[in-house]
Amino acid sequence: MLLTGCASGSKDDARRAADEDATKGAVVPGAEATHIVAEYFAKTPSPVPTPTIAAELASLVLTSGVGQGGAPVDDLTSVFSAGRIYAAAQISHLVPGWTVQAVWRREDGQQVSESSVEVSNAVDPMWLSFAWDVPAGVPPGDYGVFIYVNGELLDSLAFRVG
């Protein structure tokens, strides 16, 4: 019997080619696994972005009193004497656990009062009221009340004392 063959390259080339083939994984099991997954399992859906919730102010009113549900009983633009006034804010998209704060300031920026409410049961929209007891002898001038939600300024209202 006579065996003949034709080859090019050296014994080292043959060994290098054999080593390369030995390090390659089997192709068929990977292809079968891909086919099985595609046939029996649904594709993973793309994640839907979570919407950012932001509080929205519908109304901010300076008032001498609050009625049912915290709504203002009147709308003031100025205060002429000592007594209690309120900033009534109608806010939407509040979440339980959030803090709503009112900061009362003179026109020079000096803080004269502040109060805050932690939202426990959010109704959309909801009225929140913040009182300031205007002291006797308060200097006349321009003042403002600033409404914050979780430390972020939502809006402000200017008014006059005296």
C-alpha atoms as a PDB file:
ATOM      1  CA  MET A   1       0.000   0.000   0.000  1.00  0.00           C
ATOM      2  CA  LEU A   2       1.204   3.394  -0.855  1.00  0.00           C
ATOM      3  CA  LEU A   3       0.143   6.595   0.863  1.00  0.00           C
ATOM      4  CA  THR A   4       0.851   9.903  -0.701  1.00  0.00           C
ATOM      5  CA  GLY A   5      -0.051  13.409   0.334  1.00  0.00           C
ATOM      6  CA  CYS A   6       0.643  16.944  -0.468  1.00  0.00           C
ATOM      7  CA  ALA A   7       1.403  19.480   2.190  1.00  0.00           C
ATOM      8  CA  SER A   8       2.906  22.884   2.394  1.00  0.00           C
ATOM      9  CA  GLY A   9       4.462  24.377   5.457  1.00  0.00           C
ATOM     10  CA  SER A  10       6.443  22.876   8.198  1.00  0.00           C
ATOM     11  CA  LYS A  11       5.721  20.691  11.150  1.00  0.00           C
ATOM     12  CA  ASP A  12       5.662  23.862  13.334  1.00  0.00           C
ATOM     13  CA  ASP A  13       2.928  25.388  11.139  1.00  0.00           C
ATOM     14  CA  ALA A  14       0.839  22.272  11.510  1.00  0.00           C
ATOM     15  CA  ARG A  15       1.276  22.277  15.283  1.00  0.00           C
ATOM     16  CA  ARG A  16       0.337  25.998  15.485  1.00  0.00           C
ATOM     17  CA  ALA A  17      -2.834  25.383  13.445  1.00  0.00           C
ATOM     18  CA  ALA A  18      -3.770  22.439  15.648  1.00  0.00           C
ATOM     19  CA  ASP A  19      -3.300  24.532  18.792  1.00  0.00           C
ATOM     20  CA  GLU A  20      -5.528  27.309  17.388  1.00  0.00           C
ATOM     21  CA  ASP A  21      -8.269  24.829  16.535  1.00  0.00           C
ATOM     22  CA  ALA A  22      -8.020  23.283  20.012  1.00  0.00           C
ATOM     23  CA  THR A  23      -8.680  26.650  21.733  1.00  0.00           C
ATOM     24  CA  LYS A  24     -11.830  27.367  19.727  1.00  0.00           C
ATOM     25  CA  GLY A  25     -15.046  26.340  21.430  1.00  0.00           C
ATOM     26  CA  ALA A  26     -17.683  24.243  19.795  1.00  0.00           C
ATOM     27  CA  VAL A  27     -19.917  26.329  17.558  1.00  0.00           C
ATOM     28  CA  VAL A  28     -22.927  24.030  17.334  1.00  0.00           C
ATOM     29  CA  PRO A  29     -23.936  24.030  21.072  1.00  0.00           C
ATOM     30  CA  GLY A  30     -23.898  27.860  21.105  1.00  0.00           C
ATOM     31  CA  ALA A  31     -26.081  28.034  18.013  1.00  0.00           C
ATOM     32  CA  GLU A  32     -28.472  25.461  19.483  1.00  0.00           C
ATOM     33  CA  ALA A  33     -28.726  27.398  22.760  1.00  0.00           C
ATOM     34  CA  THR A  34     -29.512  30.617  20.895  1.00  0.00           C
ATOM     35  CA  HIS A  35     -32.232  28.869  18.917  1.00  0.00           C
ATOM     36  CA  ILE A  36     -33.767  27.328  22.052  1.00  0.00           C
ATOM     37  CA  VAL A  37     -33.818  30.666  23.879  1.00  0.00           C
ATOM     38  CA  ALA A  38     -35.385  32.438  20.911  1.00  0.00           C
ATOM     39  CA  GLU A  39     -37.999  29.712  20.460  1.00  0.00           C
ATOM     40  CA  TYR A  40     -39.135  29.282  24.080  1.00  0.00           C
ATOM     41  CA  PHE A  41     -38.483  32.568  25.887  1.00  0.00           C
ATOM     42  CA  ALA A  42     -39.841  36.034  25.189  1.00  0.00           C
ATOM     43  CA  LYS A  43     -37.433  38.870  24.566  1.00  0.00           C
ATOM     44  CA  THR A  44     -36.628  41.098  27.510  1.00  0.00           C
ATOM     45  CA  PRO A  45     -38.534  44.364  27.027  1.00  0.00           C
ATOM     46  CA  SER A  46     -36.698  47.664  27.025  1.00  0.00           C
ATOM     47  CA  PRO A  47     -37.047  49.495  30.326  1.00  0.00           C
ATOM     48  CA  VAL A  48     -39.558  52.336  30.400  1.00  0.00           C
ATOM     49  CA  PRO A  49     -38.144  55.536  31.903  1.00  0.00           C
ATOM     50  CA  THR A  50     -39.605  56.483  35.262  1.00  0.00           C
ATOM     51  CA  PRO A  51     -41.281  59.887  35.014  1.00  0.00           C
ATOM     52  CA  THR A  52     -39.894  62.603  37.228  1.00  0.00           C
ATOM     53  CA  ILE A  53     -42.500  63.889  39.639  1.00  0.00           C
ATOM     54  CA  ALA A  54     -42.413  67.641  40.102  1.00  0.00           C
ATOM     55  CA  ALA A  55     -44.728  69.661  42.299  1.00  0.00           C
ATOM     56  CA  GLU A  56     -46.760  72.313  40.481  1.00  0.00           C
ATOM     57  CA  LEU A  57     -48.176  75.449  42.051  1.00  0.00           C
ATOM     58  CA  ALA A  58     -51.652  76.327  40.803  1.00  0.00           C
ATOM     59  CA  SER A  59     -52.254  79.283  43.131  1.00  0.00           C
ATOM     60  CA  LEU A  60     -50.498  81.259  45.861  1.00  0.00           C
ATOM     61  CA  VAL A  61     -52.665  83.695  47.806  1.00  0.00           C
ATOM     62  CA  LEU A  62     -52.082  85.965  50.793  1.00  0.00           C
ATOM     63  CA  THR A  63     -55.207  85.726  52.959  1.00  0.00           C
ATOM     64  CA  SER A  64     -56.581  86.711  56.351  1.00  0.00           C
ATOM     65  CA  GLY A  65     -58.014  83.249  56.938  1.00  0.00           C
ATOM     66  CA  VAL A  66     -58.439  79.784  55.546  1.00  0.00           C
ATOM     67  CA  GLY A  67     -61.664  77.904  55.005  1.00  0.00           C
ATOM     68  CA  GLN A  68     -62.566  74.292  54.481  1.00  0.00           C
ATOM     69  CA  GLY A  69     -59.772  72.247  52.984  1.00  0.00           C
ATOM     70  CA  GLY A  70     -57.257  75.057  53.577  1.00  0.00           C
ATOM     71  CA  ALA A  71     -58.620  77.267  50.777  1.00  0.00           C
ATOM     72  CA  PRO A  72     -58.227  81.048  51.267  1.00  0.00           C
ATOM     73  CA  VAL A  73     -61.247  83.093  52.400  1.00  0.00           C
ATOM     74  CA  ASP A  74     -60.020  86.286  50.703  1.00  0.00           C
ATOM     75  CA  ASP A  75     -57.114  87.649  48.666  1.00  0.00           C
ATOM     76  CA  LEU A  76     -54.885  90.336  50.197  1.00  0.00           C
ATOM     77  CA  THR A  77     -52.212  92.431  48.535  1.00  0.00           C
ATOM     78  CA  SER A  78     -51.206  94.324  51.670  1.00  0.00           C
ATOM     79  CA  VAL A  79     -51.439  94.149  55.461  1.00  0.00           C
ATOM     80  CA  PHE A  80     -52.132  97.256  57.560  1.00  0.00           C
ATOM     81  CA  SER A  81     -51.992  96.028  61.153  1.00  0.00           C
ATOM     82  CA  ALA A  82     -50.612  93.361  63.413  1.00  0.00           C
ATOM     83  CA  GLY A  83     -52.368  89.997  63.309  1.00  0.00           C
ATOM     84  CA  ARG A  84     -52.267  86.613  61.695  1.00  0.00           C
ATOM     85  CA  ILE A  85     -52.060  86.272  57.908  1.00  0.00           C
ATOM     86  CA  TYR A  86     -51.673  83.161  55.794  1.00  0.00           C
ATOM     87  CA  ALA A  87     -49.994  82.160  52.593  1.00  0.00           C
ATOM     88  CA  ALA A  88     -52.334  79.607  51.021  1.00  0.00           C
ATOM     89  CA  ALA A  89     -50.739  77.506  48.280  1.00  0.00           C
ATOM     90  CA  GLN A  90     -52.618  75.127  46.021  1.00  0.00           C
ATOM     91  CA  ILE A  91     -50.096  72.519  44.910  1.00  0.00           C
ATOM     92  CA  SER A  92     -50.400  69.440  42.665  1.00  0.00           C
ATOM     93  CA  HIS A  93     -48.224  66.322  42.428  1.00  0.00           C
ATOM     94  CA  LEU A  94     -47.110  66.215  46.059  1.00  0.00           C
ATOM     95  CA  VAL A  95     -45.881  62.885  47.411  1.00  0.00           C
ATOM     96  CA  PRO A  96     -46.305  61.679  51.010  1.00  0.00           C
ATOM     97  CA  GLY A  97     -43.091  62.357  52.913  1.00  0.00           C
ATOM     98  CA  TRP A  98     -42.241  65.544  51.015  1.00  0.00           C
ATOM     99  CA  THR A  99     -41.803  68.776  52.985  1.00  0.00           C
ATOM    100  CA  VAL A 100     -43.396  72.062  51.932  1.00  0.00           C
ATOM    101  CA  GLN A 101     -41.974  75.182  53.593  1.00  0.00           C
ATOM    102  CA  ALA A 102     -42.920  78.863  53.645  1.00  0.00           C
ATOM    103  CA  VAL A 103     -40.253  81.445  54.391  1.00  0.00           C
ATOM    104  CA  TRP A 104     -41.386  85.029  55.072  1.00  0.00           C
ATOM    105  CA  ARG A 105     -38.818  87.763  54.282  1.00  0.00           C
ATOM    106  CA  ARG A 106     -38.474  91.522  54.270  1.00  0.00           C
ATOM    107  CA  GLU A 107     -37.408  93.235  51.063  1.00  0.00           C
ATOM    108  CA  ASP A 108     -33.798  93.335  52.313  1.00  0.00           C
ATOM    109  CA  GLY A 109     -33.854  89.505  52.519  1.00  0.00           C
ATOM    110  CA  GLN A 110     -34.045  89.283  56.300  1.00  0.00           C
ATOM    111  CA  GLN A 111     -36.134  86.287  57.336  1.00  0.00           C
ATOM    112  CA  VAL A 112     -38.992  87.172  59.681  1.00  0.00           C
ATOM    113  CA  SER A 113     -40.730  83.793  59.966  1.00  0.00           C
ATOM    114  CA  GLU A 114     -40.898  80.288  58.582  1.00  0.00           C
ATOM    115  CA  SER A 115     -43.055  77.204  58.897  1.00  0.00           C
ATOM    116  CA  SER A 116     -43.220  73.842  57.198  1.00  0.00           C
ATOM    117  CA  VAL A 117     -45.594  70.947  56.645  1.00  0.00           C
ATOM    118  CA  GLU A 118     -44.707  67.331  55.922  1.00  0.00           C
ATOM    119  CA  VAL A 119     -47.123  65.881  53.393  1.00  0.00           C
ATOM    120  CA  SER A 120     -48.785  62.821  54.897  1.00  0.00           C
ATOM    121  CA  ASN A 121     -51.720  62.224  52.587  1.00  0.00           C
ATOM    122  CA  ALA A 122     -51.450  63.790  49.146  1.00  0.00           C
ATOM    123  CA  VAL A 123     -54.661  64.933  47.487  1.00  0.00           C
ATOM    124  CA  ASP A 124     -54.236  66.310  43.999  1.00  0.00           C
ATOM    125  CA  PRO A 125     -54.349  69.317  44.069  1.00  0.00           C
ATOM    126  CA  MET A 126     -54.246  70.273  47.725  1.00  0.00           C
ATOM    127  CA  TRP A 127     -54.295  73.542  49.663  1.00  0.00           C
ATOM    128  CA  LEU A 128     -51.591  74.112  52.256  1.00  0.00           C
ATOM    129  CA  SER A 129     -51.624  77.197  54.464  1.00  0.00           C
ATOM    130  CA  PHE A 130     -48.748  78.808  56.334  1.00  0.00           C
ATOM    131  CA  ALA A 131     -49.371  81.387  59.057  1.00  0.00           C
ATOM    132  CA  TRP A 132     -47.343  84.449  59.999  1.00  0.00           C
ATOM    133  CA  ASP A 133     -48.267  86.380  63.110  1.00  0.00           C
ATOM    134  CA  VAL A 134     -47.400  89.920  62.053  1.00  0.00           C
ATOM    135  CA  PRO A 135     -46.053  91.585  65.195  1.00  0.00           C
ATOM    136  CA  ALA A 136     -47.121  95.037  66.336  1.00  0.00           C
ATOM    137  CA  GLY A 137     -44.622  97.642  65.201  1.00  0.00           C
ATOM    138  CA  VAL A 138     -43.368  95.630  62.236  1.00  0.00           C
ATOM    139  CA  PRO A 139     -41.504  97.997  59.901  1.00  0.00           C
ATOM    140  CA  PRO A 140     -43.591  99.019  56.893  1.00  0.00           C
ATOM    141  CA  GLY A 141     -42.308  97.996  53.496  1.00  0.00           C
ATOM    142  CA  ASP A 142     -42.310  95.269  50.903  1.00  0.00           C
ATOM    143  CA  TYR A 143     -42.279  91.656  52.044  1.00  0.00           C
ATOM    144  CA  GLY A 144     -42.443  88.276  50.364  1.00  0.00           C
ATOM    145  CA  VAL A 145     -43.366  84.718  51.143  1.00  0.00           C
ATOM    146  CA  PHE A 146     -41.348  81.995  49.414  1.00  0.00           C
ATOM    147  CA  ILE A 147     -42.717  78.462  49.000  1.00  0.00           C
ATOM    148  CA  TYR A 148     -40.245  75.558  48.857  1.00  0.00           C
ATOM    149  CA  VAL A 149     -40.848  71.864  48.196  1.00  0.00           C
ATOM    150  CA  ASN A 150     -38.056  69.639  49.522  1.00  0.00           C
ATOM    151  CA  GLY A 151     -35.739  72.654  49.625  1.00  0.00           C
ATOM    152  CA  GLU A 152     -36.393  73.718  46.008  1.00  0.00           C
ATOM    153  CA  LEU A 153     -38.058  77.103  45.442  1.00  0.00           C
ATOM    154  CA  LEU A 154     -41.495  76.585  43.898  1.00  0.00           C
ATOM    155  CA  ASP A 155     -42.728  80.189  43.794  1.00  0.00           C
ATOM    156  CA  SER A 156     -43.046  83.428  45.772  1.00  0.00           C
ATOM    157  CA  LEU A 157     -45.548  86.193  46.425  1.00  0.00           C
ATOM    158  CA  ALA A 158     -44.786  89.842  47.166  1.00  0.00           C
ATOM    159  CA  PHE A 159     -46.982  92.004  49.393  1.00  0.00           C
ATOM    160  CA  ARG A 160     -46.848  95.257  51.329  1.00  0.00           C
ATOM    161  CA  VAL A 161     -47.001  95.832  55.077  1.00  0.00           C
ATOM    162  CA  GLY A 162     -48.204  99.268  56.284  1.00  0.00           C
END
